[in-house]
Amino acid sequence: MQQPQHHHHKPKPSLSGSSSWIRRSPPPSPPHKKPWGAGGRSRYACRLVPLLVLTLYSLFTVLRIPSSSLVVNTADSERVERRDDVEAFKTHLPSNQNSLEARQETRSPASLPCSAFISGEAGSGGGEHAEEEEEGVLCCDRSHYRSDVCYLRGDARTDPSTSSVLLYNAPRGAAPEKVRPYTRKFEESIMRTIDEVTILPVDSSDNNGTDAGRDSLRRRCDVRHPAGVPAVVFSTGGYTGNVYHEFSDGLIPLFITSQRFRGEVVFVVLEYHYWWLGRYGAILERLTKYKIVDFRYDRRVHCFSEMIVGLRIHGELVVDPKLMPNGKGLQDFQALLHQGYSGKPSSSLSSAPATLPLGLPSRPCIRPDDHAAKAFKPKMLIFIRKQNRVILNLPHVVTACRRAGFAPHVMNLRRQTPLPVIHAALASADAMVAVHGAAVTHFLFMRPGTVLLQIVPVGLDWAAESFYGKPAQELGLKYLEYRVAPEESSLAAEYGINSTVVQDPSVISSQGWWEMKKVYMDRQNVTVGVKRFGELLRAAKLHLRNATACGKAAAR
């Protein structure tokens, strides 16, 4: 017997885990019934009741959440705001753009950003929480456009044969990382010449869970460094050999990354140069108490409990106190230079280096009406170049300095000139004159209150101010610029005074660094206008006279 056909809607599958009052929701109105017909409003209102109840329940649940989980206290709020500013500065991007870069910085198992481990804000691996941190840490901060830095905590062992570091007890699921530990990441051509370090995580679950199993699978340690003494891995390749890059790309980032360890750190160097150690050993021995490890040629397996691969950098010759966990600045790095090259013994690395005394070397009180004022001849060092950016009328410049009341001394530096000799000359000098170039970096040896006068060739205004002007002022120097006029540049004779090269350097600069360097740095010499240069010399002399003790007293 054929069953009568009933017109039913296909029932909807019930939702698993749904509450019973949702399952009891009334079915929808049949299609032949119009919802807004007679009695339709009451049925429609019935359908709204569960939604209204659900909404009220959600609001009630939110209100019951403890206020501490929604409200940031004052201290946390200040810390969050500061970190936003720090991260924006670190990546050289505005805060709203920096948020797009956040995923480039991996996070640790403790849900802290990797930069917190690199800077030491997350604490060390030992201490009372050591048992909780049995699993290692492996993270990388790739958010900065200048450098990639990775952090390892656990059982890190070097493998020079493969240019790699093995991290045992690595976090579960950690992936291998590759780093070129040099601070010019944005310059692909030079980064291709830097040795690459591969970090290979080894999961502790692969070791049968026993000490014997773990030890049998690990490379034997030839040198086991003390617990709590980390390694900092970096390269002295790239532009090493140019004094500016040796400081800006190497020594200052090394200071930023390692000074917080107060000497309890081992430097592991790729592309190691023995002359580099000889030249900068006086600085390095104030940053580390241990022998430097040559990563390429030291075939032994070195074992560390903590390791930083790569160097942090803040900018061109910059140490930003806001980005340092202990508020150190460029003045602290300069004090370290003064200690190293003045021949003072390094008594204790745990104590902060003494800063340079503010003001000029002691001089007798000079008043404008004194006879001594006429005899006051500040010492001026003139750094010269031989191949490019040469001062073509150097004798006239020396004469102008002498007529302005200075005692000029010409410095013809060579690569083999010992840094203690340069330091001694500048630490006792009152003023320095130099054409834009690597030698200007030696202003780091000058005392606060002295004068840096930079001669800026055509097309190099931005570089002169950014690379040397701002850092010099940060150290308390009086910074002056002599900007070469178009007719004073040798480029005017080569390309024509009205050429784009001379009149609009931005056109060449827009073609990239190498085009700019080829024209404005490698092919340009200058002729200094003595009259205009003399005005700057008089301003420098006035500043130095006012910087004496009686000049400051008169200013009060």
Protein backbone atom coordinates (compact mmCIF):
# COMPACT_ATOMS: atom_id res chain seq x y z
CA MET A 1 0.00 0.00 0.00
CA GLN A 2 1.53 3.26 -1.07
CA GLN A 3 2.23 5.63 1.79
CA PRO A 4 0.68 9.02 1.52
CA GLN A 5 3.18 11.70 0.59
CA HIS A 6 3.74 14.47 3.07
CA HIS A 7 5.36 17.72 2.15
CA HIS A 8 8.10 18.21 4.74
CA HIS A 9 11.18 20.42 4.65
CA LYS A 10 14.50 18.60 4.81
CA PRO A 11 15.53 18.83 8.47
CA LYS A 12 18.80 20.71 9.25
CA PRO A 13 21.53 18.73 10.99
CA SER A 14 21.78 19.52 14.67
CA LEU A 15 24.84 21.43 15.82
CA SER A 16 27.11 19.38 18.05
CA GLY A 17 27.83 21.05 21.30
CA SER A 18 24.92 23.48 20.87
CA SER A 19 22.97 24.30 23.98
CA SER A 20 19.52 22.70 24.33
CA TRP A 21 17.69 25.97 24.16
CA ILE A 22 19.14 26.55 20.71
CA ARG A 23 18.01 23.10 19.58
CA ARG A 24 14.50 23.93 20.76
CA SER A 25 14.29 26.96 18.50
CA PRO A 26 10.96 26.88 16.57
CA PRO A 27 11.15 25.69 12.96
CA PRO A 28 10.82 28.25 10.20
CA SER A 29 7.39 29.09 8.88
CA PRO A 30 6.15 26.86 6.06
CA PRO A 31 6.60 28.39 2.60
CA HIS A 32 2.86 28.67 2.06
CA LYS A 33 2.59 30.84 5.21
CA LYS A 34 3.66 34.46 4.87
CA PRO A 35 5.55 35.65 7.93
CA TRP A 36 3.80 38.99 7.97
CA GLY A 37 0.32 37.54 7.58
CA ALA A 38 -2.19 37.17 10.35
CA GLY A 39 -0.44 35.91 13.41
CA GLY A 40 2.90 36.13 11.58
CA ARG A 41 4.22 38.86 13.81
CA SER A 42 3.94 36.69 16.91
CA ARG A 43 5.81 33.81 15.20
CA TYR A 44 8.52 36.23 14.02
CA ALA A 45 8.81 37.67 17.51
CA CYS A 46 9.30 34.15 18.86
CA ARG A 47 12.26 33.72 16.53
CA LEU A 48 13.88 36.86 17.91
CA VAL A 49 13.71 35.71 21.51
CA PRO A 50 16.63 33.22 21.33
CA LEU A 51 18.80 35.79 19.57
CA LEU A 52 17.99 38.36 22.22
CA VAL A 53 18.79 35.87 25.00
CA LEU A 54 22.09 34.95 23.31
CA THR A 55 23.07 38.61 23.04
CA LEU A 56 22.30 39.28 26.71
CA TYR A 57 24.23 36.16 27.72
CA SER A 58 27.29 37.29 25.75
CA LEU A 59 27.23 40.74 27.33
CA PHE A 60 26.87 39.23 30.79
CA THR A 61 29.87 36.92 30.13
CA VAL A 62 32.08 39.80 28.99
CA LEU A 63 31.19 41.87 32.05
CA ARG A 64 32.17 38.99 34.32
CA ILE A 65 35.73 38.83 32.89
CA PRO A 66 38.18 40.15 35.52
CA SER A 67 39.16 43.74 34.91
CA SER A 68 42.85 42.82 35.05
CA SER A 69 42.57 40.89 31.79
CA LEU A 70 41.11 43.84 29.92
CA VAL A 71 42.70 46.85 31.56
CA VAL A 72 46.42 47.60 31.29
CA ASN A 73 47.78 49.17 34.44
CA THR A 74 49.77 52.41 34.24
CA ALA A 75 53.15 50.72 34.26
CA ASP A 76 52.17 48.27 31.55
CA SER A 77 50.67 51.06 29.50
CA GLU A 78 53.89 53.05 29.65
CA ARG A 79 55.88 49.94 28.78
CA VAL A 80 53.67 49.14 25.79
CA GLU A 81 53.86 52.70 24.48
CA ARG A 82 57.63 52.73 24.86
CA ARG A 83 57.99 49.41 23.05
CA ASP A 84 55.92 50.72 20.13
CA ASP A 85 58.31 53.66 19.81
CA VAL A 86 61.34 51.41 20.20
CA GLU A 87 60.19 48.96 17.56
CA ALA A 88 59.35 51.77 15.14
CA PHE A 89 62.80 53.27 15.58
CA LYS A 90 64.49 49.89 15.36
CA THR A 91 63.09 49.16 11.93
CA HIS A 92 63.37 52.75 10.70
CA LEU A 93 59.67 52.64 9.87
CA PRO A 94 56.72 54.55 11.29
CA SER A 95 54.72 52.62 13.88
CA ASN A 96 51.84 51.92 11.53
CA GLN A 97 54.23 50.47 8.94
CA ASN A 98 56.26 48.64 11.53
CA SER A 99 53.21 46.57 12.43
CA LEU A 100 53.48 45.00 9.00
CA GLU A 101 57.00 43.85 9.81
CA ALA A 102 56.06 42.17 13.10
CA ARG A 103 55.69 38.72 11.59
CA GLN A 104 59.34 38.87 10.54
CA GLU A 105 60.34 38.62 14.21
CA THR A 106 59.76 35.11 15.52
CA ARG A 107 58.60 34.68 19.08
CA SER A 108 60.08 32.54 21.80
CA PRO A 109 58.28 29.72 23.61
CA ALA A 110 57.59 32.22 26.41
CA SER A 111 55.66 34.37 23.89
CA LEU A 112 58.22 37.15 24.13
CA PRO A 113 59.58 38.86 21.02
CA CYS A 114 63.01 37.66 20.02
CA SER A 115 64.43 41.17 20.46
CA ALA A 116 63.72 40.87 24.21
CA PHE A 117 66.10 37.91 24.42
CA ILE A 118 68.74 39.57 22.25
CA SER A 119 68.73 42.74 24.34
CA GLY A 120 68.58 40.85 27.65
CA GLU A 121 65.15 42.15 28.64
CA ALA A 122 63.88 38.54 28.88
CA GLY A 123 66.59 37.57 31.37
CA SER A 124 69.26 34.89 31.16
CA GLY A 125 68.89 31.16 30.93
CA GLY A 126 70.00 30.35 34.45
CA GLY A 127 68.65 31.32 37.82
CA GLU A 128 65.71 30.12 39.81
CA HIS A 129 63.60 29.39 36.71
CA ALA A 130 66.17 27.16 35.06
CA GLU A 131 64.05 24.04 35.46
CA GLU A 132 61.15 25.71 33.72
CA GLU A 133 63.41 26.53 30.77
CA GLU A 134 64.70 23.02 30.12
CA GLU A 135 63.50 23.32 26.54
CA GLY A 136 65.82 25.53 24.54
CA VAL A 137 65.07 28.81 22.81
CA LEU A 138 65.63 29.51 19.12
CA CYS A 139 64.30 32.68 17.56
CA CYS A 140 65.34 35.28 14.99
CA ASP A 141 64.66 38.99 14.66
CA ARG A 142 64.63 39.86 10.96
CA SER A 143 62.61 43.06 11.30
CA HIS A 144 65.52 45.51 10.95
CA TYR A 145 66.53 46.51 7.46
CA ARG A 146 70.21 46.57 8.47
CA SER A 147 70.73 43.17 10.10
CA ASP A 148 69.26 39.79 11.01
CA VAL A 149 69.97 38.55 14.54
CA CYS A 150 69.21 35.10 15.96
CA TYR A 151 69.19 34.01 19.59
CA LEU A 152 69.90 30.51 20.92
CA ARG A 153 69.58 29.19 24.45
CA GLY A 154 70.22 25.62 25.50
CA ASP A 155 73.07 23.40 24.36
CA ALA A 156 74.65 25.18 21.36
CA ARG A 157 77.65 23.56 19.70
CA THR A 158 79.68 24.88 16.77
CA ASP A 159 80.43 22.81 13.69
CA PRO A 160 83.05 24.74 11.68
CA SER A 161 83.25 22.04 9.01
CA THR A 162 79.76 22.93 7.84
CA SER A 163 79.69 26.56 9.09
CA SER A 164 76.80 25.68 11.35
CA VAL A 165 75.65 25.71 14.95
CA LEU A 166 73.73 22.76 16.43
CA LEU A 167 71.16 23.58 19.10
CA TYR A 168 70.23 20.53 21.18
CA ASN A 169 67.04 20.59 23.26
CA ALA A 170 65.64 22.93 20.65
CA PRO A 171 61.95 23.86 20.85
CA ARG A 172 59.65 21.31 19.26
CA GLY A 173 58.97 22.15 15.65
CA ALA A 174 61.82 24.65 15.38
CA ALA A 175 63.07 25.08 11.82
CA PRO A 176 66.66 25.66 10.66
CA GLU A 177 67.73 29.30 10.34
CA LYS A 178 70.36 30.86 8.09
CA VAL A 179 72.08 34.13 8.98
CA ARG A 180 74.79 36.27 7.44
CA PRO A 181 75.99 38.10 10.55
CA TYR A 182 76.84 41.48 9.05
CA THR A 183 75.05 44.80 9.40
CA ARG A 184 74.43 45.79 5.78
CA LYS A 185 71.53 43.49 4.94
CA PHE A 186 70.07 46.08 2.57
CA GLU A 187 73.16 45.86 0.32
CA GLU A 188 72.75 42.53 -1.45
CA SER A 189 76.02 42.69 -3.39
CA ILE A 190 78.15 42.95 -0.26
CA MET A 191 76.02 40.47 1.72
CA ARG A 192 76.70 37.78 -0.88
CA THR A 193 80.36 37.94 0.15
CA ILE A 194 79.60 37.30 3.84
CA ASP A 195 79.89 33.75 5.19
CA GLU A 196 76.53 32.25 6.11
CA VAL A 197 75.86 30.49 9.42
CA THR A 198 73.26 27.73 9.54
CA ILE A 199 71.51 27.08 12.85
CA LEU A 200 70.29 23.50 13.05
CA PRO A 201 67.78 22.69 15.82
CA VAL A 202 67.87 19.18 17.28
CA ASP A 203 64.64 18.23 19.07
CA SER A 204 65.22 16.68 22.49
CA SER A 205 62.46 14.15 21.75
CA ASP A 206 64.82 12.45 19.29
CA ASN A 207 67.18 11.38 22.06
CA ASN A 208 65.16 8.51 23.65
CA GLY A 209 64.42 10.73 26.64
CA THR A 210 67.54 9.62 28.59
CA ASP A 211 70.77 11.41 29.42
CA ALA A 212 72.75 8.59 27.85
CA GLY A 213 70.69 8.82 24.68
CA ARG A 214 71.13 12.56 24.49
CA ASP A 215 74.89 12.43 25.03
CA SER A 216 75.43 9.64 22.52
CA LEU A 217 73.86 11.66 19.73
CA ARG A 218 75.57 14.97 20.46
CA ARG A 219 78.88 16.15 19.08
CA ARG A 220 81.60 15.94 21.70
CA CYS A 221 82.61 19.29 23.19
CA ASP A 222 86.27 20.12 22.70
CA VAL A 223 85.87 23.45 24.52
CA ARG A 224 83.01 23.86 26.98
CA HIS A 225 82.57 27.50 27.89
CA PRO A 226 81.24 28.38 31.36
CA ALA A 227 77.49 28.50 31.84
CA GLY A 228 76.29 32.06 31.65
CA VAL A 229 79.07 33.10 29.25
CA PRO A 230 77.35 33.50 25.85
CA ALA A 231 78.86 33.70 22.40
CA VAL A 232 78.33 36.60 20.02
CA VAL A 233 78.89 35.56 16.40
CA PHE A 234 79.68 38.21 13.77
CA SER A 235 81.67 38.79 10.60
CA THR A 236 84.62 41.08 9.95
CA GLY A 237 84.22 40.74 6.19
CA GLY A 238 82.37 43.14 3.94
CA TYR A 239 83.75 46.68 4.08
CA THR A 240 86.20 45.89 6.87
CA GLY A 241 89.37 47.75 5.89
CA ASN A 242 87.55 51.09 5.68
CA VAL A 243 87.78 52.82 9.06
CA TYR A 244 84.28 54.27 8.84
CA HIS A 245 82.70 50.87 8.22
CA GLU A 246 84.92 49.23 10.84
CA PHE A 247 83.29 51.51 13.41
CA SER A 248 79.78 52.01 12.02
CA ASP A 249 79.14 48.46 10.77
CA GLY A 250 81.32 46.58 13.25
CA LEU A 251 82.64 48.00 16.50
CA ILE A 252 79.65 50.13 17.50
CA PRO A 253 77.11 47.33 16.76
CA LEU A 254 79.40 44.98 18.68
CA PHE A 255 79.33 47.40 21.63
CA ILE A 256 75.53 47.65 21.39
CA THR A 257 75.11 43.87 21.37
CA SER A 258 77.73 42.78 23.90
CA GLN A 259 78.41 45.51 26.45
CA ARG A 260 75.57 44.33 28.70
CA PHE A 261 77.55 41.15 29.44
CA ARG A 262 80.31 43.18 31.17
CA GLY A 263 83.10 41.15 29.61
CA GLU A 264 81.53 37.75 30.28
CA VAL A 265 81.11 36.98 26.58
CA VAL A 266 83.06 35.16 23.88
CA PHE A 267 83.41 36.65 20.39
CA VAL A 268 83.15 34.11 17.57
CA VAL A 269 84.36 35.79 14.38
CA LEU A 270 83.79 34.81 10.77
CA GLU A 271 86.28 35.99 8.13
CA TYR A 272 88.69 36.80 10.93
CA HIS A 273 91.68 39.08 10.21
CA TYR A 274 94.69 39.10 12.52
CA TRP A 275 95.44 42.72 11.64
CA TRP A 276 91.93 43.61 12.80
CA LEU A 277 92.68 42.20 16.25
CA GLY A 278 95.99 44.06 16.32
CA ARG A 279 94.35 47.34 15.36
CA TYR A 280 91.31 47.15 17.65
CA GLY A 281 92.55 44.87 20.42
CA ALA A 282 92.53 47.77 22.89
CA ILE A 283 88.76 48.11 22.38
CA LEU A 284 87.98 44.39 22.22
CA GLU A 285 89.75 43.59 25.49
CA ARG A 286 87.36 46.01 27.20
CA LEU A 287 84.35 44.15 25.83
CA THR A 288 85.44 40.56 26.48
CA LYS A 289 87.63 38.74 29.00
CA TYR A 290 88.07 35.74 26.70
CA LYS A 291 90.10 34.82 23.64
CA ILE A 292 88.44 35.39 20.30
CA VAL A 293 87.35 32.27 18.41
CA ASP A 294 88.16 32.11 14.70
CA PHE A 295 85.05 30.31 13.47
CA ARG A 296 86.48 29.27 10.10
CA TYR A 297 89.86 27.89 11.16
CA ASP A 298 89.32 26.78 14.75
CA ARG A 299 88.20 23.20 14.06
CA ARG A 300 87.30 22.46 17.65
CA VAL A 301 83.69 22.11 18.80
CA HIS A 302 82.86 25.02 21.11
CA CYS A 303 79.86 24.55 23.41
CA PHE A 304 77.81 27.43 24.81
CA SER A 305 74.66 27.75 26.89
CA GLU A 306 73.63 30.91 25.04
CA MET A 307 74.47 32.44 21.69
CA ILE A 308 73.64 35.53 19.64
CA VAL A 309 74.31 35.27 15.91
CA GLY A 310 74.51 38.71 14.31
CA LEU A 311 74.80 42.24 15.67
CA ARG A 312 72.17 44.83 16.58
CA ILE A 313 72.59 48.25 14.99
CA HIS A 314 70.85 51.57 15.60
CA GLY A 315 72.10 53.62 12.64
CA GLU A 316 75.19 55.36 11.31
CA LEU A 317 77.64 55.78 14.22
CA VAL A 318 74.68 55.74 16.60
CA VAL A 319 74.10 54.27 20.05
CA ASP A 320 70.54 55.18 20.98
CA PRO A 321 70.00 55.10 24.77
CA LYS A 322 66.26 54.48 24.23
CA LEU A 323 67.10 51.17 22.57
CA MET A 324 69.65 50.09 25.16
CA PRO A 325 68.42 48.14 28.21
CA ASN A 326 70.82 50.08 30.46
CA GLY A 327 70.53 53.47 28.77
CA LYS A 328 74.08 53.51 27.37
CA GLY A 329 74.86 56.01 24.62
CA LEU A 330 77.55 57.03 22.16
CA GLN A 331 79.36 58.85 24.97
CA ASP A 332 79.90 55.48 26.69
CA PHE A 333 81.42 54.02 23.54
CA GLN A 334 83.68 57.07 23.24
CA ALA A 335 84.78 56.62 26.85
CA LEU A 336 85.73 53.04 26.02
CA LEU A 337 87.86 54.32 23.11
CA HIS A 338 89.53 56.84 25.40
CA GLN A 339 90.37 54.13 27.92
CA GLY A 340 91.72 51.80 25.25
CA TYR A 341 93.94 54.21 23.34
CA SER A 342 95.11 56.45 26.16
CA GLY A 343 97.09 53.55 27.59
CA LYS A 344 95.03 53.30 30.76
CA PRO A 345 94.83 49.76 32.17
CA SER A 346 91.45 48.05 32.03
CA SER A 347 90.94 47.55 35.75
CA SER A 348 87.50 45.96 35.75
CA LEU A 349 85.10 45.34 32.93
CA SER A 350 82.23 45.18 35.39
CA SER A 351 82.56 48.89 36.10
CA ALA A 352 81.38 51.44 33.58
CA PRO A 353 84.16 53.28 31.69
CA ALA A 354 84.78 56.81 32.83
CA THR A 355 83.38 59.34 30.39
CA LEU A 356 85.59 62.00 28.86
CA PRO A 357 85.75 65.19 30.90
CA LEU A 358 83.34 67.76 29.56
CA GLY A 359 84.96 70.78 27.99
CA LEU A 360 88.31 71.48 26.42
CA PRO A 361 91.73 70.62 27.78
CA SER A 362 92.47 73.01 30.63
CA ARG A 363 93.59 76.44 29.45
CA PRO A 364 94.24 79.70 31.25
CA CYS A 365 91.31 82.08 31.53
CA ILE A 366 91.25 84.22 28.40
CA ARG A 367 89.47 87.56 28.22
CA PRO A 368 89.04 89.55 25.00
CA ASP A 369 91.13 92.43 26.34
CA ASP A 370 93.93 90.21 27.65
CA HIS A 371 97.27 89.98 25.90
CA ALA A 372 96.82 86.20 26.14
CA ALA A 373 93.82 86.43 23.83
CA LYS A 374 96.10 87.36 20.94
CA ALA A 375 98.47 84.53 21.82
CA PHE A 376 95.62 81.98 22.06
CA LYS A 377 96.27 79.61 19.15
CA PRO A 378 94.01 76.55 19.27
CA LYS A 379 95.49 73.38 17.83
CA MET A 380 93.85 72.41 14.53
CA LEU A 381 94.41 69.15 12.67
CA ILE A 382 93.82 69.14 8.90
CA PHE A 383 93.25 65.62 7.52
CA ILE A 384 94.12 65.35 3.84
CA ARG A 385 93.32 62.84 1.10
CA LYS A 386 95.57 61.73 -1.75
CA GLN A 387 93.45 59.98 -4.40
CA ASN A 388 90.04 61.67 -4.50
CA ARG A 389 88.27 64.52 -2.76
CA VAL A 390 91.67 66.19 -2.61
CA ILE A 391 91.98 69.81 -1.42
CA LEU A 392 93.61 71.29 -4.52
CA ASN A 393 94.61 74.54 -2.79
CA LEU A 394 95.80 73.04 0.48
CA PRO A 395 98.56 75.66 1.09
CA HIS A 396 95.93 78.42 0.94
CA VAL A 397 93.75 76.54 3.41
CA VAL A 398 96.65 76.13 5.84
CA THR A 399 97.45 79.83 5.54
CA ALA A 400 93.82 80.76 6.18
CA CYS A 401 93.83 78.66 9.36
CA ARG A 402 97.00 80.34 10.55
CA ARG A 403 95.63 83.82 9.84
CA ALA A 404 92.45 82.98 11.77
CA GLY A 405 94.58 82.34 14.85
CA PHE A 406 94.94 78.56 14.75
CA ALA A 407 98.04 76.41 14.96
CA PRO A 408 97.43 74.11 11.98
CA HIS A 409 98.95 70.63 11.65
CA VAL A 410 98.49 68.58 8.46
CA MET A 411 97.68 64.90 9.04
CA ASN A 412 98.45 62.52 6.18
CA LEU A 413 97.09 59.23 7.49
CA ARG A 414 98.18 55.87 6.18
CA ARG A 415 96.61 52.49 6.78
CA GLN A 416 99.45 51.51 9.06
CA THR A 417 99.23 54.67 11.19
CA PRO A 418 98.64 53.33 14.72
CA LEU A 419 95.33 54.34 16.24
CA PRO A 420 96.96 55.37 19.55
CA VAL A 421 98.94 57.97 17.58
CA ILE A 422 95.78 59.35 15.94
CA HIS A 423 93.95 59.29 19.27
CA ALA A 424 96.74 61.19 21.03
CA ALA A 425 96.74 63.88 18.34
CA LEU A 426 92.97 64.40 18.35
CA ALA A 427 92.43 64.05 22.10
CA SER A 428 94.68 67.09 22.57
CA ALA A 429 93.35 69.04 19.56
CA ASP A 430 90.86 71.88 19.60
CA ALA A 431 89.59 71.55 16.03
CA MET A 432 89.60 69.14 13.11
CA VAL A 433 89.20 69.95 9.40
CA ALA A 434 88.59 67.20 6.85
CA VAL A 435 86.91 66.61 3.53
CA HIS A 436 84.00 64.16 3.74
CA GLY A 437 85.39 60.66 3.86
CA ALA A 438 86.30 57.77 6.14
CA ALA A 439 88.97 59.74 8.02
CA VAL A 440 86.28 62.01 9.50
CA THR A 441 85.33 59.00 11.66
CA HIS A 442 88.25 59.90 13.92
CA PHE A 443 86.17 62.71 15.41
CA LEU A 444 85.20 59.97 17.88
CA PHE A 445 88.57 60.67 19.55
CA MET A 446 87.80 64.36 20.12
CA ARG A 447 86.71 65.95 23.38
CA PRO A 448 83.31 67.55 23.93
CA GLY A 449 83.41 71.26 23.19
CA THR A 450 85.93 70.97 20.36
CA VAL A 451 85.17 71.77 16.71
CA LEU A 452 84.63 69.50 13.71
CA LEU A 453 84.68 71.42 10.42
CA GLN A 454 83.75 69.17 7.52
CA ILE A 455 84.33 70.19 3.92
CA VAL A 456 81.38 68.80 1.95
CA PRO A 457 81.87 68.23 -1.81
CA VAL A 458 79.02 68.65 -4.30
CA GLY A 459 76.39 65.91 -4.04
CA LEU A 460 77.37 64.68 -0.57
CA ASP A 461 75.32 66.99 1.67
CA TRP A 462 73.01 64.26 2.97
CA ALA A 463 75.86 61.82 3.70
CA ALA A 464 77.96 64.44 5.49
CA GLU A 465 75.18 65.38 7.87
CA SER A 466 73.87 61.85 8.50
CA PHE A 467 77.17 60.00 8.81
CA TYR A 468 79.23 62.54 10.75
CA GLY A 469 77.34 65.74 11.58
CA LYS A 470 74.66 64.29 13.82
CA PRO A 471 76.92 61.87 15.72
CA ALA A 472 79.47 64.65 16.30
CA GLN A 473 76.80 66.88 17.82
CA GLU A 474 75.62 63.95 19.94
CA LEU A 475 79.10 63.87 21.47
CA GLY A 476 78.99 67.58 22.25
CA LEU A 477 81.20 68.80 19.42
CA LYS A 478 80.63 72.09 17.63
CA TYR A 479 79.84 70.97 14.10
CA LEU A 480 80.44 73.28 11.12
CA GLU A 481 80.12 72.59 7.39
CA TYR A 482 81.83 74.16 4.44
CA ARG A 483 79.69 73.25 1.42
CA VAL A 484 81.66 73.30 -1.79
CA ALA A 485 80.11 75.59 -4.41
CA PRO A 486 79.54 74.18 -7.93
CA GLU A 487 82.39 76.25 -9.39
CA GLU A 488 84.74 74.97 -6.66
CA SER A 489 84.26 71.32 -7.65
CA SER A 490 86.40 69.60 -10.25
CA LEU A 491 83.15 68.18 -11.67
CA ALA A 492 82.38 71.64 -13.12
CA ALA A 493 85.42 71.39 -15.40
CA GLU A 494 84.66 67.79 -16.34
CA TYR A 495 80.90 68.00 -16.96
CA GLY A 496 80.26 71.75 -17.26
CA ILE A 497 79.10 74.21 -14.64
CA ASN A 498 75.49 74.02 -15.87
CA SER A 499 75.38 70.23 -16.19
CA THR A 500 72.87 68.14 -14.28
CA VAL A 501 75.73 66.41 -12.48
CA VAL A 502 76.77 69.70 -10.89
CA GLN A 503 73.47 71.52 -10.55
CA ASP A 504 71.15 68.66 -9.56
CA PRO A 505 73.03 65.79 -7.85
CA SER A 506 69.72 64.16 -6.86
CA VAL A 507 69.35 62.93 -10.45
CA ILE A 508 72.53 60.86 -10.14
CA SER A 509 71.82 59.84 -6.55
CA SER A 510 68.42 58.48 -7.58
CA GLN A 511 70.23 55.94 -9.78
CA GLY A 512 71.64 54.22 -6.70
CA TRP A 513 74.54 54.30 -4.31
CA TRP A 514 77.14 53.03 -6.74
CA GLU A 515 76.37 55.66 -9.38
CA MET A 516 76.50 58.38 -6.75
CA LYS A 517 79.78 57.03 -5.37
CA LYS A 518 81.36 56.74 -8.80
CA VAL A 519 80.69 60.40 -9.64
CA TYR A 520 80.71 62.38 -6.39
CA MET A 521 83.09 60.35 -4.23
CA ASP A 522 85.56 58.77 -6.65
CA ARG A 523 85.97 61.49 -9.31
CA GLN A 524 85.70 64.75 -7.42
CA ASN A 525 88.33 67.11 -6.00
CA VAL A 526 87.70 70.51 -4.41
CA THR A 527 89.11 74.03 -4.31
CA VAL A 528 88.16 75.76 -1.07
CA GLY A 529 87.05 79.39 -1.26
CA VAL A 530 89.41 80.99 1.25
CA LYS A 531 87.20 84.00 2.04
CA ARG A 532 84.09 81.96 2.82
CA PHE A 533 86.18 79.35 4.63
CA GLY A 534 87.72 82.10 6.77
CA GLU A 535 84.28 83.08 8.09
CA LEU A 536 83.80 79.55 9.45
CA LEU A 537 87.27 79.61 10.98
CA ARG A 538 86.45 82.82 12.86
CA ALA A 539 83.22 81.26 14.14
CA ALA A 540 85.18 78.22 15.32
CA LYS A 541 87.76 80.40 17.07
CA LEU A 542 85.03 82.37 18.85
CA HIS A 543 83.36 79.16 20.01
CA LEU A 544 86.62 77.83 21.43
CA ARG A 545 87.37 81.07 23.25
CA ASN A 546 83.89 81.10 24.79
CA ALA A 547 84.29 77.45 25.78
CA THR A 548 87.10 78.27 28.23
CA ALA A 549 86.31 78.49 31.91
CA CYS A 550 86.18 82.30 32.03
CA GLY A 551 84.13 82.40 28.83
CA LYS A 552 81.50 80.21 30.49
CA ALA A 553 81.64 82.34 33.61
CA ALA A 554 81.09 85.48 31.55
CA ALA A 555 78.14 83.85 29.84
CA ARG A 556 76.44 83.42 33.20
